[in-house]
Amino acid sequence: MRRTALGLGLAALTATASAAPLDAYRDRARVLVLSAPDAGDAQLKAQRAALGPVRDGVAERDLVVLEAVGSGAEARAMRAALGLPADSFRAVLVGKDGGAKLTAATPIPPQRLFATIDAMPMRRSEMRERR
């Protein structure tokens, strides 16, 4: 599994694939999981490109981007945890509560991603506290 350099500290996930690979982020960060059969997947590249210019918005929303690419153990564990197919692209937004909030078979435009996050009660509370 590859971790894209966006969002929180981005320290490596645990070295072993666990039954709940997203548990380390629960209550700390929202996670955008990008799943693709291989690193050359056109939709994966498009999602990366869409997120590049909006790094500030990603960080502001406590969003970490993780990639489950290829057939390695960690990628398989991440896909299994989210019920994702191995043979096609998927993007899944996981909230701080650990629940999937948005799943798409095509890249998610940053505006839609941010609007979904900004509508979450926890995010609204964060925005009030930061004022």
N, C-alpha and C. Protein backbone atom coordinates (compact mmCIF):
# COMPACT_ATOMS: atom_id res chain seq x y z
N MET A 1 0.85 -1.16 0.00
CA MET A 1 0.00 0.00 0.00
C MET A 1 0.90 1.22 0.00
N ARG A 2 0.56 2.18 -0.79
CA ARG A 2 1.35 3.40 -0.89
C ARG A 2 0.61 4.53 -0.21
N ARG A 3 1.34 5.36 0.45
CA ARG A 3 0.77 6.50 1.14
C ARG A 3 1.14 7.75 0.34
N THR A 4 0.15 8.54 -0.01
CA THR A 4 0.41 9.78 -0.73
C THR A 4 0.72 10.88 0.27
N ALA A 5 1.67 11.71 -0.03
CA ALA A 5 2.11 12.75 0.89
C ALA A 5 1.12 13.90 0.97
N LEU A 6 -0.04 13.65 1.49
CA LEU A 6 -1.05 14.66 1.72
C LEU A 6 -1.62 14.45 3.11
N GLY A 7 -2.06 15.50 3.75
CA GLY A 7 -2.76 15.36 5.01
C GLY A 7 -1.84 15.35 6.20
N LEU A 8 -2.25 14.62 7.23
CA LEU A 8 -1.53 14.57 8.50
C LEU A 8 -0.13 14.03 8.36
N GLY A 9 0.54 13.86 9.44
CA GLY A 9 1.93 13.45 9.50
C GLY A 9 2.35 12.35 8.57
N LEU A 10 1.48 11.49 8.19
CA LEU A 10 1.75 10.44 7.23
C LEU A 10 2.88 9.51 7.64
N ALA A 11 2.94 9.20 8.92
CA ALA A 11 3.88 8.18 9.37
C ALA A 11 3.39 6.86 8.81
N ALA A 12 4.27 5.92 8.66
CA ALA A 12 3.92 4.64 8.05
C ALA A 12 2.85 3.93 8.86
N LEU A 13 1.99 3.24 8.16
CA LEU A 13 1.01 2.38 8.81
C LEU A 13 1.76 1.25 9.49
N THR A 14 1.08 0.54 10.35
CA THR A 14 1.74 -0.59 10.99
C THR A 14 2.30 -1.51 9.93
N ALA A 15 3.41 -2.13 10.22
CA ALA A 15 4.10 -2.95 9.24
C ALA A 15 3.30 -4.16 8.82
N THR A 16 2.45 -4.63 9.69
CA THR A 16 1.66 -5.79 9.33
C THR A 16 0.25 -5.37 8.96
N ALA A 17 -0.32 -6.09 8.04
CA ALA A 17 -1.70 -5.79 7.64
C ALA A 17 -2.62 -6.32 8.72
N SER A 18 -3.39 -5.45 9.33
CA SER A 18 -4.27 -5.88 10.40
C SER A 18 -5.68 -6.08 9.88
N ALA A 19 -6.54 -6.62 10.71
CA ALA A 19 -7.93 -6.84 10.32
C ALA A 19 -8.65 -5.51 10.15
N ALA A 20 -8.19 -4.50 10.84
CA ALA A 20 -8.81 -3.18 10.76
C ALA A 20 -7.73 -2.15 10.45
N PRO A 21 -7.29 -2.07 9.19
CA PRO A 21 -6.15 -1.22 8.84
C PRO A 21 -6.38 0.28 9.04
N LEU A 22 -7.61 0.71 9.22
CA LEU A 22 -7.88 2.13 9.40
C LEU A 22 -8.01 2.53 10.87
N ASP A 23 -7.91 1.57 11.78
CA ASP A 23 -8.09 1.87 13.20
C ASP A 23 -7.14 2.95 13.71
N ALA A 24 -5.94 3.02 13.19
CA ALA A 24 -4.96 4.00 13.65
C ALA A 24 -5.44 5.44 13.41
N TYR A 25 -6.37 5.63 12.51
CA TYR A 25 -6.84 6.97 12.16
C TYR A 25 -8.14 7.35 12.85
N ARG A 26 -8.81 6.39 13.44
CA ARG A 26 -10.11 6.63 14.06
C ARG A 26 -10.01 7.75 15.09
N ASP A 27 -10.94 8.68 15.03
CA ASP A 27 -11.03 9.84 15.92
C ASP A 27 -9.91 10.86 15.72
N ARG A 28 -8.98 10.62 14.80
CA ARG A 28 -7.86 11.54 14.57
C ARG A 28 -7.89 12.16 13.19
N ALA A 29 -8.34 11.39 12.20
CA ALA A 29 -8.27 11.88 10.82
C ALA A 29 -9.36 11.25 9.97
N ARG A 30 -9.72 11.98 8.93
CA ARG A 30 -10.55 11.40 7.88
C ARG A 30 -9.58 10.77 6.89
N VAL A 31 -10.02 9.73 6.22
CA VAL A 31 -9.13 9.02 5.32
C VAL A 31 -9.80 8.90 3.95
N LEU A 32 -9.05 9.23 2.92
CA LEU A 32 -9.49 8.96 1.55
C LEU A 32 -8.66 7.79 1.08
N VAL A 33 -9.31 6.66 0.86
CA VAL A 33 -8.63 5.46 0.38
C VAL A 33 -8.80 5.39 -1.13
N LEU A 34 -7.68 5.30 -1.82
CA LEU A 34 -7.69 5.15 -3.27
C LEU A 34 -7.24 3.73 -3.58
N SER A 35 -8.10 2.97 -4.21
CA SER A 35 -7.79 1.58 -4.54
C SER A 35 -7.72 1.45 -6.06
N ALA A 36 -6.66 0.77 -6.51
CA ALA A 36 -6.49 0.56 -7.95
C ALA A 36 -5.71 -0.73 -8.17
N PRO A 37 -5.94 -1.38 -9.31
CA PRO A 37 -5.23 -2.64 -9.58
C PRO A 37 -3.73 -2.46 -9.75
N ASP A 38 -3.29 -1.29 -10.24
CA ASP A 38 -1.85 -1.05 -10.40
C ASP A 38 -1.58 0.44 -10.42
N ALA A 39 -0.31 0.80 -10.27
CA ALA A 39 0.09 2.20 -10.18
C ALA A 39 -0.15 2.97 -11.47
N GLY A 40 -0.30 2.29 -12.58
CA GLY A 40 -0.54 2.95 -13.86
C GLY A 40 -2.00 3.24 -14.14
N ASP A 41 -2.89 2.92 -13.22
CA ASP A 41 -4.32 3.12 -13.43
C ASP A 41 -4.62 4.59 -13.72
N ALA A 42 -5.31 4.86 -14.82
CA ALA A 42 -5.59 6.23 -15.26
C ALA A 42 -6.44 6.99 -14.24
N GLN A 43 -7.40 6.33 -13.63
CA GLN A 43 -8.26 7.01 -12.66
C GLN A 43 -7.50 7.34 -11.37
N LEU A 44 -6.59 6.46 -10.97
CA LEU A 44 -5.74 6.74 -9.82
C LEU A 44 -4.89 7.97 -10.09
N LYS A 45 -4.29 8.03 -11.26
CA LYS A 45 -3.48 9.18 -11.64
C LYS A 45 -4.32 10.45 -11.66
N ALA A 46 -5.54 10.36 -12.16
CA ALA A 46 -6.43 11.53 -12.23
C ALA A 46 -6.80 12.01 -10.82
N GLN A 47 -7.05 11.07 -9.89
CA GLN A 47 -7.40 11.47 -8.53
C GLN A 47 -6.22 12.15 -7.85
N ARG A 48 -5.02 11.59 -8.04
CA ARG A 48 -3.81 12.22 -7.49
C ARG A 48 -3.65 13.64 -8.03
N ALA A 49 -3.84 13.80 -9.33
CA ALA A 49 -3.69 15.11 -9.97
C ALA A 49 -4.72 16.11 -9.44
N ALA A 50 -5.93 15.64 -9.20
CA ALA A 50 -6.98 16.53 -8.69
C ALA A 50 -6.68 16.99 -7.27
N LEU A 51 -6.04 16.15 -6.48
CA LEU A 51 -5.76 16.49 -5.08
C LEU A 51 -4.51 17.36 -4.92
N GLY A 52 -3.59 17.27 -5.86
CA GLY A 52 -2.33 18.00 -5.75
C GLY A 52 -2.49 19.48 -5.48
N PRO A 53 -3.30 20.20 -6.25
CA PRO A 53 -3.41 21.66 -6.06
C PRO A 53 -4.20 22.07 -4.82
N VAL A 54 -4.84 21.13 -4.13
CA VAL A 54 -5.70 21.50 -2.99
C VAL A 54 -5.15 20.95 -1.67
N ARG A 55 -3.84 20.86 -1.58
CA ARG A 55 -3.20 20.30 -0.37
C ARG A 55 -3.59 21.05 0.90
N ASP A 56 -3.73 22.36 0.82
CA ASP A 56 -4.12 23.13 2.00
C ASP A 56 -5.51 22.72 2.48
N GLY A 57 -6.44 22.54 1.55
CA GLY A 57 -7.79 22.11 1.90
C GLY A 57 -7.81 20.71 2.48
N VAL A 58 -6.95 19.85 1.96
CA VAL A 58 -6.82 18.48 2.47
C VAL A 58 -6.34 18.53 3.92
N ALA A 59 -5.28 19.28 4.17
CA ALA A 59 -4.72 19.37 5.52
C ALA A 59 -5.70 20.02 6.49
N GLU A 60 -6.39 21.07 6.05
CA GLU A 60 -7.35 21.77 6.90
C GLU A 60 -8.46 20.85 7.39
N ARG A 61 -8.79 19.86 6.60
CA ARG A 61 -9.88 18.93 6.93
C ARG A 61 -9.39 17.65 7.60
N ASP A 62 -8.15 17.65 8.05
CA ASP A 62 -7.58 16.46 8.71
C ASP A 62 -7.75 15.23 7.84
N LEU A 63 -7.46 15.37 6.56
CA LEU A 63 -7.64 14.29 5.61
C LEU A 63 -6.31 13.65 5.26
N VAL A 64 -6.27 12.34 5.39
CA VAL A 64 -5.10 11.55 5.02
C VAL A 64 -5.48 10.73 3.79
N VAL A 65 -4.60 10.68 2.82
CA VAL A 65 -4.84 9.90 1.61
C VAL A 65 -3.99 8.65 1.66
N LEU A 66 -4.64 7.49 1.58
CA LEU A 66 -3.95 6.21 1.55
C LEU A 66 -4.25 5.52 0.23
N GLU A 67 -3.31 4.77 -0.26
CA GLU A 67 -3.51 4.05 -1.50
C GLU A 67 -3.37 2.55 -1.29
N ALA A 68 -4.34 1.81 -1.78
CA ALA A 68 -4.30 0.36 -1.81
C ALA A 68 -4.12 -0.01 -3.28
N VAL A 69 -2.87 -0.14 -3.68
CA VAL A 69 -2.53 -0.35 -5.09
C VAL A 69 -1.78 -1.66 -5.24
N GLY A 70 -2.19 -2.44 -6.24
CA GLY A 70 -1.52 -3.70 -6.49
C GLY A 70 -2.10 -4.83 -5.66
N SER A 71 -1.30 -5.88 -5.48
CA SER A 71 -1.81 -7.09 -4.83
C SER A 71 -1.06 -7.44 -3.54
N GLY A 72 -0.35 -6.48 -2.95
CA GLY A 72 0.36 -6.73 -1.71
C GLY A 72 -0.59 -6.98 -0.55
N ALA A 73 -0.04 -7.49 0.54
CA ALA A 73 -0.84 -7.84 1.71
C ALA A 73 -1.58 -6.63 2.29
N GLU A 74 -0.92 -5.49 2.39
CA GLU A 74 -1.58 -4.31 2.96
C GLU A 74 -2.70 -3.81 2.05
N ALA A 75 -2.47 -3.83 0.74
CA ALA A 75 -3.52 -3.41 -0.20
C ALA A 75 -4.72 -4.36 -0.10
N ARG A 76 -4.45 -5.64 -0.02
CA ARG A 76 -5.55 -6.62 0.11
C ARG A 76 -6.32 -6.41 1.41
N ALA A 77 -5.60 -6.14 2.50
CA ALA A 77 -6.26 -5.93 3.79
C ALA A 77 -7.14 -4.68 3.76
N MET A 78 -6.64 -3.62 3.15
CA MET A 78 -7.41 -2.38 3.06
C MET A 78 -8.67 -2.61 2.22
N ARG A 79 -8.51 -3.28 1.09
CA ARG A 79 -9.68 -3.56 0.24
C ARG A 79 -10.69 -4.44 0.97
N ALA A 80 -10.20 -5.45 1.68
CA ALA A 80 -11.10 -6.35 2.41
C ALA A 80 -11.87 -5.58 3.48
N ALA A 81 -11.19 -4.69 4.18
CA ALA A 81 -11.84 -3.91 5.24
C ALA A 81 -12.96 -3.03 4.71
N LEU A 82 -12.81 -2.58 3.46
CA LEU A 82 -13.81 -1.68 2.87
C LEU A 82 -14.69 -2.36 1.83
N GLY A 83 -14.46 -3.64 1.59
CA GLY A 83 -15.27 -4.37 0.61
C GLY A 83 -15.05 -3.88 -0.82
N LEU A 84 -13.82 -3.59 -1.17
CA LEU A 84 -13.51 -3.05 -2.50
C LEU A 84 -12.99 -4.12 -3.44
N PRO A 85 -13.30 -4.01 -4.73
CA PRO A 85 -12.77 -4.96 -5.70
C PRO A 85 -11.30 -4.68 -5.97
N ALA A 86 -10.56 -5.70 -6.34
CA ALA A 86 -9.13 -5.54 -6.63
C ALA A 86 -8.88 -5.16 -8.07
N ASP A 87 -9.88 -5.33 -8.93
CA ASP A 87 -9.65 -5.17 -10.36
C ASP A 87 -10.11 -3.84 -10.95
N SER A 88 -10.52 -2.90 -10.10
CA SER A 88 -10.95 -1.60 -10.62
C SER A 88 -10.73 -0.50 -9.59
N PHE A 89 -10.73 0.73 -10.05
CA PHE A 89 -10.52 1.90 -9.20
C PHE A 89 -11.71 2.13 -8.28
N ARG A 90 -11.43 2.51 -7.06
CA ARG A 90 -12.44 2.99 -6.12
C ARG A 90 -11.80 4.06 -5.25
N ALA A 91 -12.60 5.05 -4.89
CA ALA A 91 -12.21 6.07 -3.93
C ALA A 91 -13.24 6.03 -2.81
N VAL A 92 -12.77 5.93 -1.57
CA VAL A 92 -13.68 5.85 -0.42
C VAL A 92 -13.25 6.87 0.62
N LEU A 93 -14.19 7.74 1.00
CA LEU A 93 -13.97 8.69 2.08
C LEU A 93 -14.45 8.05 3.37
N VAL A 94 -13.56 7.95 4.34
CA VAL A 94 -13.87 7.37 5.64
C VAL A 94 -13.81 8.48 6.68
N GLY A 95 -14.88 8.62 7.46
CA GLY A 95 -14.94 9.67 8.47
C GLY A 95 -14.11 9.34 9.69
N LYS A 96 -13.97 10.30 10.57
CA LYS A 96 -13.21 10.09 11.81
C LYS A 96 -13.85 9.01 12.67
N ASP A 97 -15.14 8.75 12.45
CA ASP A 97 -15.82 7.69 13.21
C ASP A 97 -15.56 6.30 12.64
N GLY A 98 -14.82 6.24 11.52
CA GLY A 98 -14.49 4.95 10.91
C GLY A 98 -15.48 4.47 9.87
N GLY A 99 -16.55 5.21 9.64
CA GLY A 99 -17.56 4.80 8.67
C GLY A 99 -17.31 5.38 7.29
N ALA A 100 -17.64 4.61 6.26
CA ALA A 100 -17.51 5.07 4.88
C ALA A 100 -18.60 6.11 4.62
N LYS A 101 -18.20 7.28 4.17
CA LYS A 101 -19.12 8.39 3.94
C LYS A 101 -19.44 8.61 2.47
N LEU A 102 -18.51 8.21 1.61
CA LEU A 102 -18.66 8.43 0.18
C LEU A 102 -17.80 7.41 -0.54
N THR A 103 -18.38 6.72 -1.51
CA THR A 103 -17.65 5.75 -2.32
C THR A 103 -17.92 6.06 -3.78
N ALA A 104 -16.87 6.04 -4.59
CA ALA A 104 -17.03 6.35 -6.01
C ALA A 104 -16.15 5.44 -6.86
N ALA A 105 -16.64 5.12 -8.04
CA ALA A 105 -15.88 4.29 -8.99
C ALA A 105 -15.06 5.15 -9.94
N THR A 106 -15.17 6.46 -9.79
CA THR A 106 -14.40 7.41 -10.59
C THR A 106 -13.78 8.42 -9.63
N PRO A 107 -12.78 9.16 -10.06
CA PRO A 107 -12.17 10.15 -9.16
C PRO A 107 -13.21 11.13 -8.61
N ILE A 108 -13.03 11.48 -7.36
CA ILE A 108 -13.94 12.41 -6.70
C ILE A 108 -13.37 13.82 -6.84
N PRO A 109 -14.11 14.74 -7.44
CA PRO A 109 -13.62 16.12 -7.54
C PRO A 109 -13.41 16.70 -6.14
N PRO A 110 -12.33 17.44 -5.93
CA PRO A 110 -12.08 18.01 -4.60
C PRO A 110 -13.26 18.80 -4.04
N GLN A 111 -13.98 19.52 -4.90
CA GLN A 111 -15.12 20.31 -4.42
C GLN A 111 -16.17 19.40 -3.79
N ARG A 112 -16.43 18.25 -4.40
CA ARG A 112 -17.42 17.32 -3.85
C ARG A 112 -16.89 16.69 -2.57
N LEU A 113 -15.64 16.32 -2.56
CA LEU A 113 -15.01 15.74 -1.39
C LEU A 113 -15.09 16.72 -0.21
N PHE A 114 -14.70 17.97 -0.44
CA PHE A 114 -14.72 18.97 0.61
C PHE A 114 -16.14 19.28 1.07
N ALA A 115 -17.08 19.36 0.14
CA ALA A 115 -18.47 19.64 0.51
C ALA A 115 -19.02 18.51 1.39
N THR A 116 -18.68 17.28 1.06
CA THR A 116 -19.13 16.14 1.86
C THR A 116 -18.55 16.22 3.27
N ILE A 117 -17.26 16.50 3.36
CA ILE A 117 -16.62 16.61 4.67
C ILE A 117 -17.20 17.79 5.45
N ASP A 118 -17.33 18.94 4.80
CA ASP A 118 -17.80 20.14 5.48
C ASP A 118 -19.23 20.04 5.98
N ALA A 119 -20.00 19.10 5.44
CA ALA A 119 -21.37 18.89 5.89
C ALA A 119 -21.45 17.96 7.10
N MET A 120 -20.36 17.32 7.45
CA MET A 120 -20.34 16.39 8.58
C MET A 120 -20.44 17.16 9.90
N PRO A 121 -21.24 16.67 10.84
CA PRO A 121 -21.38 17.36 12.13
C PRO A 121 -20.03 17.59 12.85
N MET A 122 -19.14 16.61 12.82
CA MET A 122 -17.86 16.77 13.50
C MET A 122 -17.04 17.89 12.85
N ARG A 123 -17.08 17.97 11.54
CA ARG A 123 -16.34 19.01 10.82
C ARG A 123 -16.94 20.38 11.14
N ARG A 124 -18.26 20.47 11.20
CA ARG A 124 -18.90 21.74 11.52
C ARG A 124 -18.46 22.22 12.91
N SER A 125 -18.37 21.28 13.82
CA SER A 125 -17.90 21.60 15.17
C SER A 125 -16.45 22.08 15.13
N GLU A 126 -15.62 21.42 14.34
CA GLU A 126 -14.21 21.83 14.21
C GLU A 126 -14.11 23.25 13.66
N MET A 127 -14.93 23.56 12.67
CA MET A 127 -14.88 24.89 12.06
C MET A 127 -15.29 25.96 13.08
N ARG A 128 -16.29 25.67 13.90
CA ARG A 128 -16.72 26.62 14.94
C ARG A 128 -15.60 26.84 15.95
N GLU A 129 -14.94 25.77 16.35
CA GLU A 129 -13.86 25.87 17.35
C GLU A 129 -12.66 26.64 16.82
N ARG A 130 -12.40 26.56 15.54
CA ARG A 130 -11.23 27.21 14.94
C ARG A 130 -11.43 28.70 14.70
N ARG A 131 -12.65 29.15 14.83
CA ARG A 131 -12.94 30.59 14.60
C ARG A 131 -12.44 31.43 15.73
